[in-house]
C-alpha atoms as a PDB file:
ATOM      1  CA  MET A   1       0.000   0.000   0.000  1.00  0.00           C
ATOM      2  CA  LYS A   2       1.253   3.450  -0.890  1.00  0.00           C
ATOM      3  CA  ARG A   3       1.894   5.861   1.963  1.00  0.00           C
ATOM      4  CA  ILE A   4       1.466   9.630   1.779  1.00  0.00           C
ATOM      5  CA  ASP A   5       3.606  10.732   4.699  1.00  0.00           C
ATOM      6  CA  SER A   6       3.261  14.492   4.659  1.00  0.00           C
ATOM      7  CA  PHE A   7       0.606  16.994   3.678  1.00  0.00           C
ATOM      8  CA  ARG A   8       2.880  19.254   1.625  1.00  0.00           C
ATOM      9  CA  GLY A   9       3.434  19.748  -2.092  1.00  0.00           C
ATOM     10  CA  ALA A  10       0.878  17.827  -4.152  1.00  0.00           C
ATOM     11  CA  TYR A  11      -0.854  16.733  -0.934  1.00  0.00           C
ATOM     12  CA  HIS A  12      -1.035  20.138   0.745  1.00  0.00           C
ATOM     13  CA  PHE A  13      -4.826  20.053   0.216  1.00  0.00           C
ATOM     14  CA  LEU A  14      -4.981  17.424   2.998  1.00  0.00           C
ATOM     15  CA  SER A  15      -3.544  19.896   5.496  1.00  0.00           C
ATOM     16  CA  ASN A  16      -5.798  21.939   7.750  1.00  0.00           C
ATOM     17  CA  PHE A  17      -3.629  24.913   6.761  1.00  0.00           C
ATOM     18  CA  TYR A  18      -4.728  24.658   3.114  1.00  0.00           C
ATOM     19  CA  LEU A  19      -6.748  27.756   2.201  1.00  0.00           C
ATOM     20  CA  CYS A  20     -10.242  26.819   1.064  1.00  0.00           C
ATOM     21  CA  PRO A  21     -13.742  27.875   2.111  1.00  0.00           C
ATOM     22  CA  VAL A  22     -15.206  25.778   4.923  1.00  0.00           C
ATOM     23  CA  LEU A  23     -18.750  26.455   6.078  1.00  0.00           C
ATOM     24  CA  TYR A  24     -18.881  25.408   9.713  1.00  0.00           C
ATOM     25  CA  ASP A  25     -21.569  26.189  12.257  1.00  0.00           C
ATOM     26  CA  GLY A  26     -23.026  28.910  10.023  1.00  0.00           C
ATOM     27  CA  LEU A  27     -19.681  30.678   9.551  1.00  0.00           C
ATOM     28  CA  MET A  28     -17.643  30.677   6.344  1.00  0.00           C
ATOM     29  CA  CYS A  29     -14.065  30.052   7.419  1.00  0.00           C
ATOM     30  CA  VAL A  30     -10.913  30.432   5.320  1.00  0.00           C
ATOM     31  CA  SER A  31      -9.511  26.985   6.175  1.00  0.00           C
ATOM     32  CA  SER A  32     -10.326  23.843   8.103  1.00  0.00           C
ATOM     33  CA  GLU A  33      -7.874  25.004  10.799  1.00  0.00           C
ATOM     34  CA  SER A  34      -9.839  28.226  11.189  1.00  0.00           C
ATOM     35  CA  ALA A  35     -13.073  26.230  11.357  1.00  0.00           C
ATOM     36  CA  PHE A  36     -11.584  23.906  13.987  1.00  0.00           C
ATOM     37  CA  GLN A  37     -10.548  26.881  16.122  1.00  0.00           C
ATOM     38  CA  VAL A  38     -14.038  28.413  15.672  1.00  0.00           C
ATOM     39  CA  ALA A  39     -15.478  25.184  17.077  1.00  0.00           C
ATOM     40  CA  LYS A  40     -13.052  25.335  19.990  1.00  0.00           C
ATOM     41  CA  ALA A  41     -13.912  28.928  20.952  1.00  0.00           C
ATOM     42  CA  GLU A  42     -16.180  29.542  23.926  1.00  0.00           C
ATOM     43  CA  TYR A  43     -17.163  33.089  22.989  1.00  0.00           C
ATOM     44  CA  PRO A  44     -18.840  34.370  19.788  1.00  0.00           C
ATOM     45  CA  VAL A  45     -16.442  37.318  19.542  1.00  0.00           C
ATOM     46  CA  ASP A  46     -13.547  34.863  19.201  1.00  0.00           C
ATOM     47  CA  LYS A  47     -15.425  32.811  16.601  1.00  0.00           C
ATOM     48  CA  LEU A  48     -15.949  35.901  14.462  1.00  0.00           C
ATOM     49  CA  LYS A  49     -12.241  36.782  14.653  1.00  0.00           C
ATOM     50  CA  LEU A  50     -11.089  33.253  13.918  1.00  0.00           C
ATOM     51  CA  LYS A  51     -13.190  32.569  10.829  1.00  0.00           C
ATOM     52  CA  ASP A  52     -11.147  34.991   8.702  1.00  0.00           C
ATOM     53  CA  MET A  53      -7.735  34.327  10.245  1.00  0.00           C
ATOM     54  CA  ALA A  54      -4.992  32.644   8.277  1.00  0.00           C
ATOM     55  CA  PRO A  55      -4.621  29.102   9.634  1.00  0.00           C
ATOM     56  CA  GLU A  56      -1.286  29.640  11.370  1.00  0.00           C
ATOM     57  CA  PHE A  57      -2.659  32.692  13.216  1.00  0.00           C
ATOM     58  CA  ALA A  58      -5.916  30.926  14.058  1.00  0.00           C
ATOM     59  CA  LYS A  59      -3.945  28.076  15.623  1.00  0.00           C
ATOM     60  CA  LYS A  60      -1.865  30.494  17.737  1.00  0.00           C
ATOM     61  CA  TYR A  61      -4.953  32.481  18.760  1.00  0.00           C
ATOM     62  CA  GLY A  62      -6.710  29.243  19.678  1.00  0.00           C
ATOM     63  CA  ARG A  63      -4.028  28.426  22.219  1.00  0.00           C
ATOM     64  CA  LYS A  64      -4.675  31.680  24.134  1.00  0.00           C
ATOM     65  CA  MET A  65      -8.482  31.971  24.029  1.00  0.00           C
ATOM     66  CA  GLN A  66     -11.101  30.487  26.337  1.00  0.00           C
ATOM     67  CA  MET A  67     -11.982  26.985  25.106  1.00  0.00           C
ATOM     68  CA  LYS A  68     -15.376  25.345  25.312  1.00  0.00           C
ATOM     69  CA  LYS A  69     -15.827  23.292  28.424  1.00  0.00           C
ATOM     70  CA  GLY A  70     -15.076  19.642  27.748  1.00  0.00           C
ATOM     71  CA  TRP A  71     -13.124  20.467  24.571  1.00  0.00           C
ATOM     72  CA  GLU A  72     -10.632  17.642  25.016  1.00  0.00           C
ATOM     73  CA  ASP A  73     -13.508  15.137  25.065  1.00  0.00           C
ATOM     74  CA  ILE A  74     -15.021  16.323  21.786  1.00  0.00           C
ATOM     75  CA  LYS A  75     -12.100  17.579  19.702  1.00  0.00           C
ATOM     76  CA  VAL A  76     -11.715  14.429  17.579  1.00  0.00           C
ATOM     77  CA  GLN A  77     -15.423  14.375  16.726  1.00  0.00           C
ATOM     78  CA  VAL A  78     -15.275  18.088  15.921  1.00  0.00           C
ATOM     79  CA  MET A  79     -12.307  17.518  13.602  1.00  0.00           C
ATOM     80  CA  ALA A  80     -14.306  14.822  11.806  1.00  0.00           C
ATOM     81  CA  GLU A  81     -17.175  17.299  11.368  1.00  0.00           C
ATOM     82  CA  VAL A  82     -14.820  20.017  10.102  1.00  0.00           C
ATOM     83  CA  LEU A  83     -13.336  17.612   7.541  1.00  0.00           C
ATOM     84  CA  ARG A  84     -16.825  16.654   6.370  1.00  0.00           C
ATOM     85  CA  CYS A  85     -17.570  20.355   5.887  1.00  0.00           C
ATOM     86  CA  LYS A  86     -14.253  20.924   4.071  1.00  0.00           C
ATOM     87  CA  PHE A  87     -14.862  18.195   1.513  1.00  0.00           C
ATOM     88  CA  SER A  88     -18.579  18.953   1.208  1.00  0.00           C
ATOM     89  CA  CYS A  89     -17.826  22.576   0.312  1.00  0.00           C
ATOM     90  CA  ASN A  90     -15.009  21.827  -2.131  1.00  0.00           C
ATOM     91  CA  GLU A  91     -15.687  19.330  -4.914  1.00  0.00           C
ATOM     92  CA  SER A  92     -12.185  19.711  -6.396  1.00  0.00           C
ATOM     93  CA  LEU A  93     -10.633  18.758  -3.036  1.00  0.00           C
ATOM     94  CA  ARG A  94     -13.050  15.846  -2.703  1.00  0.00           C
ATOM     95  CA  ILE A  95     -11.873  14.560  -6.108  1.00  0.00           C
ATOM     96  CA  LEU A  96      -8.225  14.907  -5.043  1.00  0.00           C
ATOM     97  CA  LEU A  97      -8.995  13.041  -1.804  1.00  0.00           C
ATOM     98  CA  LEU A  98     -10.588  10.189  -3.761  1.00  0.00           C
ATOM     99  CA  GLU A  99      -7.577  10.118  -6.096  1.00  0.00           C
ATOM    100  CA  THR A 100      -5.373   9.152  -3.141  1.00  0.00           C
ATOM    101  CA  GLY A 101      -6.951   5.705  -3.599  1.00  0.00           C
ATOM    102  CA  ASP A 102      -6.165   3.396  -0.722  1.00  0.00           C
ATOM    103  CA  SER A 103      -2.956   5.167   0.279  1.00  0.00           C
ATOM    104  CA  GLU A 104      -2.221   5.445   3.971  1.00  0.00           C
ATOM    105  CA  LEU A 105      -2.513   9.115   4.916  1.00  0.00           C
ATOM    106  CA  VAL A 106       0.039  10.203   7.522  1.00  0.00           C
ATOM    107  CA  GLU A 107       0.261  13.754   8.823  1.00  0.00           C
ATOM    108  CA  GLY A 108       4.059  13.660   9.098  1.00  0.00           C
ATOM    109  CA  ASN A 109       5.554  16.661  10.849  1.00  0.00           C
ATOM    110  CA  ASN A 110       8.713  17.944  12.486  1.00  0.00           C
ATOM    111  CA  TRP A 111       7.059  20.112  15.146  1.00  0.00           C
ATOM    112  CA  GLY A 112       6.328  17.325  17.617  1.00  0.00           C
ATOM    113  CA  ASP A 113       2.604  16.728  17.022  1.00  0.00           C
ATOM    114  CA  THR A 114       2.124  13.087  17.926  1.00  0.00           C
ATOM    115  CA  PHE A 115      -1.618  13.343  18.519  1.00  0.00           C
ATOM    116  CA  TRP A 116      -2.913  14.583  15.158  1.00  0.00           C
ATOM    117  CA  GLY A 117       0.136  13.334  13.263  1.00  0.00           C
ATOM    118  CA  VAL A 118       3.446  11.498  13.389  1.00  0.00           C
ATOM    119  CA  CYS A 119       6.848  12.960  14.299  1.00  0.00           C
ATOM    120  CA  ASN A 120      10.075  10.928  14.094  1.00  0.00           C
ATOM    121  CA  GLY A 121       8.070   7.764  13.465  1.00  0.00           C
ATOM    122  CA  GLU A 122       5.927   8.202  16.593  1.00  0.00           C
ATOM    123  CA  GLY A 123       2.329   9.332  16.845  1.00  0.00           C
ATOM    124  CA  LEU A 124      -1.364   8.504  16.809  1.00  0.00           C
ATOM    125  CA  ASN A 125      -1.981  10.085  13.384  1.00  0.00           C
ATOM    126  CA  ILE A 126      -5.551  11.009  14.288  1.00  0.00           C
ATOM    127  CA  LEU A 127      -5.833  13.522  11.421  1.00  0.00           C
ATOM    128  CA  GLY A 128      -4.558  10.981   8.891  1.00  0.00           C
ATOM    129  CA  ASN A 129      -7.029   8.389  10.173  1.00  0.00           C
ATOM    130  CA  LEU A 130      -9.923  10.858  10.007  1.00  0.00           C
ATOM    131  CA  LEU A 131      -8.975  11.772   6.439  1.00  0.00           C
ATOM    132  CA  GLU A 132      -8.961   8.088   5.484  1.00  0.00           C
ATOM    133  CA  ARG A 133     -12.402   7.726   7.047  1.00  0.00           C
ATOM    134  CA  GLU A 134     -13.587  10.791   5.126  1.00  0.00           C
ATOM    135  CA  ARG A 135     -12.223   9.334   1.887  1.00  0.00           C
ATOM    136  CA  TYR A 136     -14.077   6.083   2.586  1.00  0.00           C
ATOM    137  CA  TYR A 137     -17.316   8.042   3.151  1.00  0.00           C
ATOM    138  CA  TRP A 138     -17.009   9.850  -0.188  1.00  0.00           C
ATOM    139  CA  LYS A 139     -16.041   6.639  -2.020  1.00  0.00           C
ATOM    140  CA  LYS A 140     -19.130   4.859  -0.678  1.00  0.00           C
ATOM    141  CA  ARG A 141     -21.248   7.861  -1.549  1.00  0.00           C
ATOM    142  CA  GLN A 142     -19.777   7.983  -5.059  1.00  0.00           C
ATOM    143  CA  ASP A 143     -20.500   4.260  -5.507  1.00  0.00           C
ATOM    144  CA  SER A 144     -24.021   4.795  -4.165  1.00  0.00           C
ATOM    145  CA  ASP A 145     -24.620   7.681  -6.578  1.00  0.00           C
ATOM    146  CA  LEU A 146     -23.455   5.554  -9.524  1.00  0.00           C
ATOM    147  CA  LEU A 147     -25.790   2.732  -8.467  1.00  0.00           C
ATOM    148  CA  ARG A 148     -28.642   5.208  -8.019  1.00  0.00           C
ATOM    149  CA  ASP A 149     -28.093   6.612 -11.504  1.00  0.00           C
ATOM    150  CA  GLU A 150     -28.042   3.094 -12.946  1.00  0.00           C
ATOM    151  CA  LEU A 151     -31.269   2.253 -11.115  1.00  0.00           C
ATOM    152  CA  ILE A 152     -33.005   5.398 -12.320  1.00  0.00           C
ATOM    153  CA  THR A 153     -32.023   4.571 -15.905  1.00  0.00           C
ATOM    154  CA  LYS A 154     -33.224   0.960 -15.628  1.00  0.00           C
ATOM    155  CA  ILE A 155     -36.489   1.951 -13.957  1.00  0.00           C
ATOM    156  CA  SER A 156     -37.234   4.447 -16.701  1.00  0.00           C
ATOM    157  CA  GLU A 157     -36.446   1.785 -19.321  1.00  0.00           C
ATOM    158  CA  VAL A 158     -38.535  -0.961 -17.675  1.00  0.00           C
ATOM    159  CA  GLY A 159     -41.318   1.323 -16.516  1.00  0.00           C
ATOM    160  CA  ASN A 160     -42.388  -0.869 -13.581  1.00  0.00           C
ATOM    161  CA  HIS A 161     -40.968  -2.934 -10.747  1.00  0.00           C
ATOM    162  CA  GLU A 162     -42.063  -6.381 -11.953  1.00  0.00           C
ATOM    163  CA  ASN A 163     -38.614  -7.306 -13.283  1.00  0.00           C
ATOM    164  CA  SER A 164     -36.976  -9.558 -10.616  1.00  0.00           C
ATOM    165  CA  THR A 165     -33.378  -8.482 -11.438  1.00  0.00           C
ATOM    166  CA  LEU A 166     -34.371  -4.856 -11.127  1.00  0.00           C
ATOM    167  CA  MET A 167     -36.181  -5.546  -7.862  1.00  0.00           C
ATOM    168  CA  ALA A 168     -33.059  -7.248  -6.464  1.00  0.00           C
ATOM    169  CA  MET A 169     -30.963  -4.198  -7.407  1.00  0.00           C
ATOM    170  CA  VAL A 170     -33.528  -1.875  -5.819  1.00  0.00           C
ATOM    171  CA  LYS A 171     -33.562  -3.865  -2.557  1.00  0.00           C
ATOM    172  CA  LYS A 172     -29.749  -3.938  -2.432  1.00  0.00           C
ATOM    173  CA  TYR A 173     -29.574  -0.203  -3.018  1.00  0.00           C
ATOM    174  CA  GLU A 174     -32.221   0.548  -0.395  1.00  0.00           C
ATOM    175  CA  LEU A 175     -30.481  -1.638   2.207  1.00  0.00           C
ATOM    176  CA  GLU A 176     -27.037  -0.176   1.557  1.00  0.00           C
ATOM    177  CA  THR A 177     -28.063   3.465   1.458  1.00  0.00           C
ATOM    178  CA  GLY A 178     -31.279   3.831   3.430  1.00  0.00           C
ATOM    179  CA  ASN A 179     -32.822   5.531   0.379  1.00  0.00           C
ATOM    180  CA  GLU A 180     -36.036   4.426  -1.314  1.00  0.00           C
ATOM    181  CA  VAL A 181     -36.719   3.756  -4.956  1.00  0.00           C
ATOM    182  CA  ARG A 182     -40.418   3.463  -5.848  1.00  0.00           C
ATOM    183  CA  LYS A 183     -42.905   4.047  -8.619  1.00  0.00           C
ATOM    184  CA  GLY A 184     -40.215   4.765 -11.164  1.00  0.00           C
ATOM    185  CA  ARG A 185     -38.801   7.618  -9.128  1.00  0.00           C
ATOM    186  CA  TYR A 186     -35.955   8.002  -6.691  1.00  0.00           C
ATOM    187  CA  PHE A 187     -36.662   9.342  -3.199  1.00  0.00           C
ATOM    188  CA  VAL A 188     -33.918  10.228  -0.738  1.00  0.00           C
ATOM    189  CA  LYS A 189     -34.448   9.839   2.990  1.00  0.00           C
ATOM    190  CA  ASP A 190     -36.266  13.147   3.270  1.00  0.00           C
ATOM    191  CA  LYS A 191     -38.519  12.021   0.378  1.00  0.00           C
ATOM    192  CA  THR A 192     -37.138  14.608  -2.024  1.00  0.00           C
ATOM    193  CA  GLU A 193     -38.165  13.446  -5.443  1.00  0.00           C
ATOM    194  CA  VAL A 194     -35.701  13.130  -8.277  1.00  0.00           C
ATOM    195  CA  GLU A 195     -36.898  12.149 -11.764  1.00  0.00           C
END
């Protein structure tokens, strides 16, 4: 398996310091680092300052400000949410993430971060693991969307659900995704209709 061992150069987009819009908690932030620090902030005035700060300044500011109570207990889940927002807001980055294939993603660093990354061969690599999980989510979603499109095409060609092969595909799709296909139309969980 290939290993991407730093988020620089061609893989800088994996870094939280990469500049890209990230809509988090109703605020448009300039990077996922800024969004993460917004989530960490206890006070709204800090959130408003952080959203527009360059990532390196947001990180420094975040070390001095008042953190939410219980931050250490929720920070990994918050990072997962921030990454979901990052790749939801930026299709080009999502494509690049998927293009990493099954490579191991390691946030290699020389500044001693052994929680989010790996330094001198040591570390938990939490950020790398979360990015791999995010990639898996988008891969499954991409596969699901391809299957959905195939189902919609077949349903429109057949015109009914009497075909047993088609019914088997529909059941498989519904079980894997939690979405419904009925009456020749596709309905997502909230019953939004797509022709």
